[in-house]
Structure formats: C-alpha cells, structure tokens
Protein backbone atom coordinates (compact mmCIF):
# COMPACT_ATOMS: atom_id res chain seq x y z
CA MET A 1 16.83 -3.40 14.56
CA THR A 2 15.58 -2.34 11.13
CA ASN A 3 12.03 -3.18 10.07
CA ILE A 4 11.18 -4.19 6.52
CA LEU A 5 7.46 -4.22 5.78
CA VAL A 6 6.45 -6.89 3.26
CA THR A 7 2.77 -6.78 2.19
CA GLY A 8 0.80 -9.49 0.37
CA PHE A 9 -2.67 -9.34 -1.12
CA GLU A 10 -5.32 -11.80 -0.19
CA PRO A 11 -7.10 -13.98 -2.86
CA PHE A 12 -9.06 -12.03 -5.48
CA GLY A 13 -10.92 -12.40 -8.74
CA HIS A 14 -10.00 -15.75 -10.33
CA THR A 15 -7.08 -16.29 -7.97
CA PRO A 16 -8.09 -18.62 -5.11
CA VAL A 17 -4.58 -18.65 -3.63
CA ASN A 18 -2.50 -15.57 -4.02
CA PRO A 19 1.27 -16.01 -4.32
CA ALA A 20 1.71 -12.64 -2.62
CA GLU A 21 0.13 -13.83 0.58
CA SER A 22 2.00 -17.17 0.38
CA VAL A 23 5.42 -15.55 -0.08
CA MET A 24 4.68 -12.91 2.57
CA ARG A 25 3.91 -15.66 5.12
CA VAL A 26 7.15 -17.50 4.26
CA LEU A 27 9.19 -14.34 4.89
CA ASP A 28 7.24 -12.96 7.90
CA GLY A 29 9.36 -12.97 11.04
CA THR A 30 12.63 -13.85 9.28
CA ARG A 31 15.76 -11.72 9.44
CA ILE A 32 18.31 -10.53 6.98
CA GLY A 33 21.27 -9.28 8.90
CA ASN A 34 19.91 -6.97 11.57
CA ALA A 35 16.72 -6.38 9.62
CA GLU A 36 13.41 -8.11 10.60
CA ILE A 37 10.77 -8.74 8.00
CA CYS A 38 7.28 -7.90 9.16
CA GLY A 39 4.50 -9.43 7.06
CA LEU A 40 1.16 -7.79 6.45
CA LEU A 41 -1.95 -9.33 4.76
CA VAL A 42 -3.70 -6.62 2.74
CA PRO A 43 -7.36 -6.62 1.65
CA ASN A 44 -7.67 -6.57 -2.13
CA ASN A 45 -9.90 -3.49 -2.04
CA PHE A 46 -9.52 -0.03 -3.49
CA PHE A 47 -8.55 2.66 -0.91
CA GLU A 48 -8.93 0.30 2.06
CA SER A 49 -5.63 -1.41 0.99
CA ILE A 50 -3.85 2.00 1.14
CA ASP A 51 -5.23 2.72 4.60
CA VAL A 52 -4.11 -0.63 5.93
CA VAL A 53 -0.54 -0.28 4.62
CA THR A 54 -0.08 3.34 5.62
CA ALA A 55 -1.34 2.49 9.14
CA ALA A 56 1.26 -0.24 9.35
CA ILE A 57 3.95 2.16 8.18
CA GLY A 58 2.99 4.52 10.98
CA GLU A 59 3.21 1.77 13.51
CA LEU A 60 6.33 -0.04 12.34
CA HIS A 61 8.38 2.82 10.91
CA PRO A 62 10.03 0.53 8.31
CA GLN A 63 13.15 1.43 6.39
CA ILE A 64 11.86 -0.44 3.34
CA VAL A 65 8.37 -1.33 2.09
CA ILE A 66 8.04 -4.21 -0.36
CA MET A 67 4.56 -4.76 -1.67
CA LEU A 68 3.74 -8.08 -3.37
CA GLY A 69 1.04 -8.98 -5.89
CA GLU A 70 0.21 -11.53 -8.59
CA TYR A 71 0.48 -10.77 -12.30
CA ALA A 72 -1.17 -13.68 -14.16
CA GLY A 73 0.50 -14.36 -17.48
CA ARG A 74 3.99 -13.32 -16.48
CA ALA A 75 6.50 -16.11 -16.26
CA ILE A 76 9.06 -14.32 -14.08
CA ILE A 77 9.21 -12.12 -11.06
CA THR A 78 8.98 -8.44 -12.04
CA VAL A 79 9.89 -5.34 -10.00
CA GLU A 80 7.78 -2.36 -10.97
CA ARG A 81 9.32 0.93 -11.92
CA ILE A 82 6.20 3.12 -12.13
CA ALA A 83 2.76 3.46 -10.48
CA GLN A 84 0.26 5.63 -12.33
CA ASN A 85 -2.60 7.70 -10.98
CA LEU A 86 -5.24 5.73 -12.87
CA ASN A 87 -7.60 2.90 -11.99
CA ASP A 88 -9.25 0.92 -14.76
CA SER A 89 -10.35 -2.51 -13.48
CA THR A 90 -13.23 -2.90 -15.89
CA ARG A 91 -10.80 -3.60 -18.76
CA TYR A 92 -9.85 -6.81 -16.94
CA GLN A 93 -13.49 -7.60 -15.96
CA LEU A 94 -12.35 -7.44 -12.34
CA LYS A 95 -13.90 -6.03 -9.18
CA ASP A 96 -12.20 -5.68 -5.83
CA ASN A 97 -13.26 -7.95 -3.00
CA ARG A 98 -16.01 -5.52 -2.02
CA GLY A 99 -17.46 -5.65 -5.51
CA VAL A 100 -16.14 -2.19 -6.53
CA GLU A 101 -14.97 -1.65 -10.06
CA MET A 102 -13.28 1.53 -11.32
CA GLN A 103 -12.88 2.96 -14.81
CA GLY A 104 -10.65 5.84 -15.65
CA GLU A 105 -10.66 7.21 -12.12
CA PRO A 106 -7.63 8.51 -10.23
CA THR A 107 -6.37 7.26 -6.88
CA ILE A 108 -5.54 10.77 -5.78
CA PRO A 109 -7.64 13.55 -7.49
CA ASN A 110 -5.24 16.13 -8.93
CA GLY A 111 -2.25 13.98 -7.82
CA PRO A 112 0.85 13.56 -9.98
CA VAL A 113 0.43 11.41 -13.09
CA ALA A 114 2.79 8.81 -11.73
CA TYR A 115 5.38 7.99 -9.08
CA ARG A 116 8.62 5.99 -9.48
CA SER A 117 9.81 3.37 -7.10
CA ASN A 118 12.92 4.47 -5.21
CA LEU A 119 14.21 0.94 -4.74
CA PRO A 120 17.45 -0.19 -6.45
CA LEU A 121 15.59 -2.12 -9.15
CA ARG A 122 18.62 -3.19 -11.22
CA ALA A 123 20.51 -4.39 -8.17
CA MET A 124 17.39 -6.34 -7.04
CA VAL A 125 16.94 -8.02 -10.46
CA LYS A 126 20.64 -8.88 -10.69
CA ALA A 127 20.48 -10.46 -7.18
CA MET A 128 17.41 -12.58 -8.06
CA ARG A 129 19.07 -13.80 -11.27
CA ASN A 130 22.25 -14.64 -9.39
CA ALA A 131 20.09 -16.66 -6.97
CA GLY A 132 18.72 -18.66 -9.90
CA VAL A 133 15.36 -16.93 -10.04
CA PRO A 134 14.21 -15.46 -13.32
CA ALA A 135 13.44 -11.74 -12.82
CA ASP A 136 13.17 -8.50 -14.66
CA ILE A 137 12.08 -4.82 -14.41
CA SER A 138 8.55 -4.00 -15.51
CA ASP A 139 7.30 -0.61 -16.65
CA THR A 140 3.59 -1.37 -16.13
CA ALA A 141 1.89 -2.41 -12.91
CA ALA A 142 -1.43 -2.54 -14.74
CA THR A 143 -4.47 -0.55 -13.56
CA PHE A 144 -6.02 -2.69 -10.83
CA CYS A 145 -5.44 -2.84 -7.10
CA CYS A 146 -1.68 -3.52 -7.28
CA ASN A 147 -0.96 -0.29 -9.18
CA HIS A 148 -3.51 1.49 -6.99
CA LEU A 149 -1.77 0.42 -3.72
CA MET A 150 1.70 1.16 -5.04
CA TYR A 151 0.70 4.68 -6.07
CA GLY A 152 -1.17 5.34 -2.83
CA VAL A 153 1.76 4.25 -0.63
CA LEU A 154 4.38 6.21 -2.64
CA HIS A 155 2.06 9.23 -2.41
CA TYR A 156 1.80 8.85 1.34
CA ILE A 157 5.58 8.50 1.74
CA ILE A 158 6.35 11.45 -0.53
CA THR A 159 3.73 13.88 0.78
CA ASN A 160 4.78 13.08 4.43
CA GLN A 161 8.47 13.41 3.54
CA LEU A 162 9.23 9.96 5.05
CA ASP A 163 12.74 8.47 4.70
CA ILE A 164 11.42 5.16 3.35
CA ARG A 165 12.25 3.25 0.18
CA ALA A 166 9.28 1.47 -1.34
CA GLY A 167 8.17 -0.40 -4.40
CA TRP A 168 6.28 -3.33 -5.91
CA ILE A 169 7.17 -6.90 -6.87
CA HIS A 170 4.84 -8.89 -9.07
CA LEU A 171 4.82 -12.72 -8.86
CA PRO A 172 3.66 -15.31 -11.33
CA GLN A 173 0.67 -17.55 -10.46
CA LEU A 174 1.28 -20.47 -8.21
CA PRO A 175 1.35 -23.92 -9.89
CA GLN A 176 -1.92 -25.06 -8.17
CA VAL A 177 -3.69 -22.04 -9.66
CA ALA A 178 -2.11 -22.44 -13.07
CA ALA A 179 -3.27 -26.07 -13.05
CA LEU A 180 -6.99 -25.08 -12.91
CA ALA A 181 -8.78 -25.89 -16.19
CA GLU A 182 -9.47 -22.16 -16.90
CA ASN A 183 -5.73 -21.33 -16.44
CA ILE A 184 -4.08 -24.12 -18.38
CA GLY A 185 -1.11 -22.66 -20.30
CA THR A 186 -0.58 -19.80 -17.86
CA PRO A 187 3.03 -19.55 -16.52
CA SER A 188 3.60 -20.37 -12.89
CA MET A 189 6.25 -20.30 -10.17
CA SER A 190 6.42 -22.28 -6.91
CA ARG A 191 6.06 -20.50 -3.59
CA GLU A 192 9.60 -21.55 -2.64
CA THR A 193 11.21 -20.13 -5.75
CA ALA A 194 9.27 -16.89 -5.51
CA ALA A 195 10.21 -16.53 -1.84
CA LEU A 196 13.90 -17.15 -2.66
CA GLY A 197 13.70 -14.42 -5.29
CA VAL A 198 11.97 -11.94 -3.04
CA HIS A 199 14.47 -12.62 -0.22
CA ALA A 200 17.35 -12.00 -2.62
CA ALA A 201 15.69 -8.78 -3.84
CA ILE A 202 15.24 -7.50 -0.23
CA GLU A 203 18.88 -8.39 0.57
CA ALA A 204 20.00 -6.36 -2.48
CA ALA A 205 17.83 -3.44 -1.41
CA LEU A 206 19.38 -3.44 2.02
CA GLY A 207 22.85 -3.48 0.55
CA HIS A 208 22.30 -0.73 -2.07
CA THR A 209 21.15 2.66 -1.00
CA GLU A 210 21.83 3.62 -4.66
CA ASP A 211 21.15 1.46 -7.64
CA ILE A 212 23.94 -0.21 -9.61
CA ASP A 213 25.06 1.54 -12.78
CA GLU A 214 25.05 -1.28 -15.23
CA PRO A 215 22.44 -2.43 -17.79
CA ILE A 216 20.14 -5.34 -17.00
CA LEU A 217 19.48 -7.02 -20.30
CA SER A 218 15.77 -7.58 -20.87
CA LYS A 219 12.87 -8.35 -23.12
CA PRO A 220 9.49 -6.49 -23.17
CA GLN A 221 7.13 -7.69 -20.47
CA ILE A 222 3.41 -8.00 -20.76
C-alpha cells in the first residue's frame, strides 16, 4: 500500500470556509489504485504548520505529498512550481491564526532562495483539463502561509534526503465564500469540481515519475 499525504489548511483571514480543508476531507480515505489518500488538517500558522506536516511525513512515510491552499482571485486550479524563502504577509494585511505577521523574513535563515516542486506539473495540469477542470501551472505561491509551508516541507524532504515527491495546489474560493458581500466578483469553484481536479492531478502524479515533455499552453496567472 502506498500512502499519499494530502494536507488542507483551516479557515484563515477573510476565508470562513477553506476549500483546501473541504477538498482534503472529500479525498481523505479514498484510494487510487493501490494508493491510499491520507488527509491532514493543518493550522494556518507560521512554523507550526511545517511541524505538523513534517511530523505526519515521519509517521506515514508517504510517496507523495500534495499540499492544498486557497488563492482568492484565481479562477482555476493552479499547481505551484516554486516556493521562495520569504514571508511577507503584511502586504496582504494578513496575520496567521495566532495573530503573527511577517515582513521580509525567511522561513529558513541562510536557506536556499527557493525550492522547486518535484511533481510532474505538466502531466497534472493536462490530466485536470482532460477531466474538464480548468487548471494551470503557477510561478508564484505568494508570500503567506501557503508558500511558507511549501518551502518548509520541501526543505525538510531535501535536507533529510527523503524519496518523496511534493508540491502545492492552489484552489479558488468556494462559491459560498465568493457570495459574501465583501467578495462579490471574486471567481469561485465548487468543492466537487475542485476535488475532481485534485483527484485527477494525484492520479497523474502516480502515473508519471517524470513529467511529460510537451508544452501546456497558458496565460499569466495572478
């Protein structure tokens, strides 16, 4: 049996229901072939989030780690290519759920400037599009807790020389959140559509140890 760890952030900031948690709960306990998806709810806090996920990696020994988060303003699912060693939540006027804000501070002092996901991103996007779910590759995971956790987990995997493929998937807001007066006009995606997309992406990751060598046509993402 192969374990796939899928993490989802809890509500945060102006997001009372996080699509990451919703999709994680849909997928938790399901199987793709001989692989079982193990869901994990992650606190939306700097550093604590890294500790929670790395502890789960040590317990479950997953082959793949897929981390989920919300990116308000994006209309499609985006797989992140890069996590940078920089936290700058004040630019979004956001604090984590402990009330901590960071500005221009690294996740790992003297760590590499960035890490790249080692998931087959093109294959995952192609699979999601084939499933009827709009998706693309993104080159910015922003500078809040999503980027922070992605960087911290990749740093843990690389420094401990673990044979694990890991990366981040951003989801649009849920319709009930986009329907709030303060969010009117923000793109949204249903939990069911987002879960279908993430399922297809995981299936592609399982089927491709190396990424496909064909271009995935795109437009710049916010």
